[in-house]
Protein backbone atom coordinates (compact mmCIF):
# COMPACT_ATOMS: atom_id res chain seq x y z
CA MET A 1 117.09 152.33 -40.04
CA ALA A 2 114.95 155.74 -41.62
CA LEU A 3 116.76 159.31 -42.43
CA VAL A 4 113.93 161.66 -40.38
CA LEU A 5 113.32 164.87 -41.13
CA CYS A 6 112.14 166.19 -38.01
CA THR A 7 110.31 170.07 -37.96
CA GLY A 8 108.97 172.26 -35.20
CA THR A 9 109.26 175.71 -33.95
CA ASN A 10 109.82 174.65 -30.51
CA PRO A 11 114.07 173.96 -30.03
CA VAL A 12 113.11 172.04 -27.01
CA LEU A 13 110.78 169.42 -28.49
CA ILE A 14 113.08 168.85 -31.54
CA GLN A 15 115.77 168.01 -29.93
CA THR A 16 114.03 165.59 -27.38
CA ARG A 17 112.38 163.76 -30.70
CA LYS A 18 115.54 163.78 -32.25
CA LEU A 19 117.16 162.32 -29.31
CA ILE A 20 114.23 159.71 -28.86
CA LEU A 21 114.46 158.31 -32.70
CA GLU A 22 118.71 158.78 -32.99
CA ARG A 23 118.45 156.55 -29.85
CA ALA A 24 116.72 153.78 -31.69
CA GLY A 25 118.42 153.77 -34.57
CA HIS A 26 117.38 156.35 -36.37
CA SER A 27 119.08 159.37 -38.26
CA VAL A 28 118.03 162.41 -38.07
CA VAL A 29 117.73 166.35 -39.79
CA SER A 30 116.42 169.22 -37.68
CA CYS A 31 115.06 172.17 -39.64
CA ASN A 32 112.46 175.21 -37.81
CA ASP A 33 112.00 177.24 -41.10
CA GLU A 34 111.17 177.11 -44.64
CA GLN A 35 114.25 177.93 -45.76
CA GLN A 36 116.30 175.08 -44.16
CA LEU A 37 113.37 172.50 -44.77
CA VAL A 38 114.35 173.13 -48.64
CA ALA A 39 118.17 172.66 -48.27
CA ALA A 40 117.57 169.43 -46.47
CA CYS A 41 115.04 168.13 -48.26
CA GLU A 42 117.38 169.29 -51.45
CA LYS A 43 120.75 167.23 -49.92
CA HIS A 44 119.19 164.21 -48.17
CA ALA A 45 116.75 161.63 -49.89
CA PHE A 46 114.17 161.33 -46.01
CA ASP A 47 111.64 158.46 -44.90
CA VAL A 48 110.03 160.12 -42.90
CA ALA A 49 108.65 163.68 -41.88
CA VAL A 50 107.91 164.78 -38.34
CA ILE A 51 105.91 167.82 -38.03
CA GLY A 52 105.53 168.61 -34.90
CA GLN A 53 102.87 169.90 -32.62
CA ALA A 54 103.63 173.41 -31.66
CA VAL A 55 103.30 174.93 -34.90
CA SER A 56 100.33 176.72 -35.67
CA ARG A 57 97.46 174.82 -38.37
CA LYS A 58 98.24 176.98 -41.29
CA ASP A 59 102.06 176.46 -40.89
CA LYS A 60 101.67 172.82 -40.92
CA ARG A 61 99.92 173.19 -44.02
CA HIS A 62 102.06 174.58 -45.24
CA MET A 63 105.20 172.95 -44.17
CA ALA A 64 103.06 169.64 -45.31
CA LEU A 65 103.03 170.95 -48.56
CA LEU A 66 107.16 171.82 -49.08
CA ILE A 67 107.41 168.79 -47.73
CA ARG A 68 105.57 166.98 -50.55
CA GLN A 69 107.15 169.44 -53.61
CA SER A 70 110.51 169.56 -51.97
CA CYS A 71 110.61 165.62 -51.15
CA PRO A 72 107.67 163.83 -52.95
CA SER A 73 108.21 159.97 -52.18
CA ILE A 74 108.63 160.90 -48.27
CA LYS A 75 105.78 159.55 -45.49
CA ILE A 76 104.64 162.04 -43.57
CA LEU A 77 103.92 162.10 -39.61
CA GLU A 78 102.29 164.98 -38.15
CA LEU A 79 102.00 165.26 -34.25
CA TYR A 80 99.24 166.99 -33.15
CA VAL A 81 97.23 168.31 -29.74
CA PRO A 82 94.05 166.64 -28.78
CA TYR A 83 92.03 170.09 -28.37
CA GLU A 84 92.86 170.83 -31.87
CA GLY A 85 92.68 167.90 -33.42
CA LYS A 86 94.98 166.67 -37.18
CA MET A 87 95.70 169.84 -39.20
CA VAL A 88 97.49 167.94 -42.33
CA GLU A 89 94.56 165.81 -44.32
CA ASP A 90 97.17 164.19 -46.38
CA ALA A 91 99.93 162.67 -44.02
CA ASP A 92 100.53 159.52 -43.71
CA SER A 93 100.00 159.09 -40.29
CA TRP A 94 99.19 161.43 -36.70
CA MET A 95 100.10 160.60 -33.45
CA GLU A 96 98.37 162.44 -30.27
CA ALA A 97 100.72 164.68 -28.64
CA PRO A 98 102.88 164.27 -25.91
CA LEU A 99 102.92 160.71 -26.40
CA GLU A 100 102.35 158.63 -23.13
CA VAL A 101 105.31 156.18 -24.13
CA PRO A 102 107.85 158.24 -26.42
CA ASP A 103 109.72 155.95 -27.82
CA ASP A 104 106.08 154.80 -30.05
CA LEU A 105 107.22 157.77 -31.97
CA ALA A 106 110.51 155.84 -33.12
CA VAL A 107 108.37 152.53 -33.39
CA ARG A 108 105.46 154.94 -35.69
CA VAL A 109 108.55 156.22 -37.21
CA THR A 110 110.10 152.73 -38.59
CA GLU A 111 106.61 151.58 -39.77
CA LEU A 112 106.36 154.59 -41.84
CA ALA A 113 109.51 153.86 -43.26
CA ASN A 114 108.93 150.28 -43.67
CA ASP A 115 106.06 150.99 -45.60
CA PRO A 116 105.46 151.13 -49.45
CA PRO A 117 107.00 154.36 -51.32
CA ARG A 118 104.21 157.11 -51.81
CA GLN A 119 102.87 157.27 -55.42
CA THR A 120 103.33 160.61 -56.87
């Protein structure tokens, strides 16, 4: 299974995503600020990063850039709310939140982790 970096600003949503992903067999490291994100990328070789839907447009783009710089081969999955739309143009995948079926998150992460590595 995948090693997943979960980012966001809402601790409840981050914890919920972590539980869903761990129940599916993934290992998850959560972070909610820039310093934690960089430290996590220095310590782990992540397969997938999940950027939460509650993050502002500006912060999502900054977070994605930081993830790409710190973990170049990682796949990024952006969660977004329908009325705001997708914000991270170079994400590898997107999912509309809230999810109708929460297990869809684990399925998408598995698919991304099994795709060939990103070319940097």
